[in-house]
């Protein structure tokens, strides 16, 4: 639909109005990991939240695996470690996210150290 507007001084401006169809489906936002948690997120859904600094591993009974797995550390000053089935560990710095592309996790530990 075109609309003509008259402006003082005899000038006219034509504006085009375009209708935009609403999307057929609405995407739901992924779960958000809140401070001060370290979250295990699988395909956009939080499946585990941890907040205690520990000197030992907290086991992950579900043993989540990639792809589609993300570990998000929302803590300001603490690192998070994840443990793989083969015993390898990975450090995730404060305010960082780590994507697990493959492999299975067995544990998580939050450390008070501010850097890896």
Protein backbone atom coordinates (compact mmCIF):
# COMPACT_ATOMS: atom_id res chain seq x y z
CA UNK A 1 0.00 0.00 0.00
CA UNK A 2 1.42 3.42 -0.95
CA UNK A 3 0.73 6.50 1.11
CA UNK A 4 1.36 10.08 -0.02
CA UNK A 5 2.19 12.68 2.58
CA UNK A 6 1.94 16.38 1.90
CA UNK A 7 4.65 18.45 3.50
CA UNK A 8 4.61 22.25 3.93
CA UNK A 9 5.94 24.08 0.87
CA UNK A 10 4.11 21.89 -1.63
CA UNK A 11 6.56 18.95 -1.49
CA UNK A 12 4.99 15.50 -1.36
CA UNK A 13 6.62 12.29 -0.21
CA UNK A 14 5.41 8.79 -1.01
CA UNK A 15 6.02 6.12 1.61
CA UNK A 16 5.79 2.40 0.89
CA UNK A 17 4.29 0.18 3.55
CA UNK A 18 5.30 -3.44 3.38
CA UNK A 19 3.63 -6.19 5.35
CA UNK A 20 5.93 -8.84 6.79
CA UNK A 21 4.56 -12.27 7.63
CA UNK A 22 5.28 -13.60 11.11
CA UNK A 23 7.53 -16.65 11.24
CA UNK A 24 5.73 -19.98 11.24
CA UNK A 25 7.62 -21.23 14.29
CA UNK A 26 9.00 -19.38 17.27
CA UNK A 27 12.39 -20.47 18.58
CA UNK A 28 12.60 -20.85 22.33
CA UNK A 29 15.78 -19.40 23.81
CA UNK A 30 18.24 -21.88 25.25
CA UNK A 31 18.45 -22.21 29.03
CA UNK A 32 20.68 -19.58 30.61
CA UNK A 33 23.31 -20.46 33.16
CA UNK A 34 23.08 -17.96 36.03
CA UNK A 35 25.95 -16.71 38.17
CA UNK A 36 27.60 -18.29 40.20
CA UNK A 37 27.09 -21.65 38.53
CA UNK A 38 29.06 -23.89 36.23
CA UNK A 39 26.48 -25.51 33.98
CA UNK A 40 26.42 -28.60 31.82
CA UNK A 41 24.18 -27.80 28.85
CA UNK A 42 23.03 -30.43 26.35
CA UNK A 43 21.28 -29.23 23.17
CA UNK A 44 20.31 -25.93 24.85
CA UNK A 45 18.96 -27.48 28.07
CA UNK A 46 20.78 -27.31 31.41
CA UNK A 47 21.28 -30.86 32.63
CA UNK A 48 23.57 -30.03 35.55
CA UNK A 49 24.49 -27.03 37.72
CA UNK A 50 27.43 -26.86 40.12
CA UNK A 51 28.45 -24.05 42.46
CA UNK A 52 30.59 -25.47 45.28
CA UNK A 53 34.37 -25.13 45.24
CA UNK A 54 35.68 -28.63 45.98
CA UNK A 55 39.05 -30.32 46.33
CA UNK A 56 37.68 -33.55 44.85
CA UNK A 57 35.70 -34.41 41.73
CA UNK A 58 31.93 -34.26 41.64
CA UNK A 59 30.84 -37.24 39.55
CA UNK A 60 28.51 -36.82 36.59
CA UNK A 61 26.28 -39.91 36.83
CA UNK A 62 24.65 -39.19 33.46
CA UNK A 63 28.10 -39.11 31.79
CA UNK A 64 27.08 -36.51 29.17
CA UNK A 65 28.82 -36.56 25.81
CA UNK A 66 29.25 -34.37 22.73
CA UNK A 67 28.25 -33.16 20.26
CA UNK A 68 25.71 -30.61 21.46
CA UNK A 69 27.32 -30.40 24.90
CA UNK A 70 28.52 -27.12 26.38
CA UNK A 71 30.12 -26.34 29.74
CA UNK A 72 29.54 -22.74 30.82
CA UNK A 73 31.49 -21.20 33.70
CA UNK A 74 29.72 -18.04 34.90
CA UNK A 75 31.95 -17.58 37.94
CA UNK A 76 34.04 -14.39 38.14
CA UNK A 77 37.16 -15.69 39.87
CA UNK A 78 37.05 -19.49 39.81
CA UNK A 79 38.13 -22.04 37.24
CA UNK A 80 36.20 -25.19 36.41
CA UNK A 81 37.73 -28.51 35.44
CA UNK A 82 35.99 -31.27 33.52
CA UNK A 83 37.16 -34.88 33.50
CA UNK A 84 36.84 -37.21 30.50
CA UNK A 85 36.36 -41.00 30.65
CA UNK A 86 40.03 -41.52 29.75
CA UNK A 87 41.15 -39.41 32.76
CA UNK A 88 42.14 -36.33 30.76
CA UNK A 89 41.10 -33.01 32.30
CA UNK A 90 40.30 -29.64 30.73
CA UNK A 91 40.36 -26.31 32.54
CA UNK A 92 37.67 -23.71 31.77
CA UNK A 93 38.60 -20.17 32.83
CA UNK A 94 36.18 -17.84 34.65
CA UNK A 95 33.39 -16.40 32.48
CA UNK A 96 34.12 -18.86 29.68
CA UNK A 97 32.26 -21.48 27.69
CA UNK A 98 33.70 -24.77 26.42
CA UNK A 99 32.09 -26.82 23.66
CA UNK A 100 32.46 -30.59 23.84
CA UNK A 101 32.51 -31.79 20.24
CA UNK A 102 33.05 -35.45 21.13
CA UNK A 103 33.88 -37.64 24.08
CA UNK A 104 32.20 -38.38 27.41
CA UNK A 105 32.55 -36.52 30.69
CA UNK A 106 32.67 -38.20 34.09
CA UNK A 107 33.34 -35.37 36.54
CA UNK A 108 33.53 -31.68 37.29
CA UNK A 109 35.46 -29.70 39.87
CA UNK A 110 35.39 -25.98 40.68
CA UNK A 111 38.68 -24.53 41.89
CA UNK A 112 39.23 -21.16 43.60
CA UNK A 113 42.18 -20.39 41.29
CA UNK A 114 41.44 -17.36 39.10
CA UNK A 115 43.25 -18.76 36.05
CA UNK A 116 44.08 -22.11 34.49
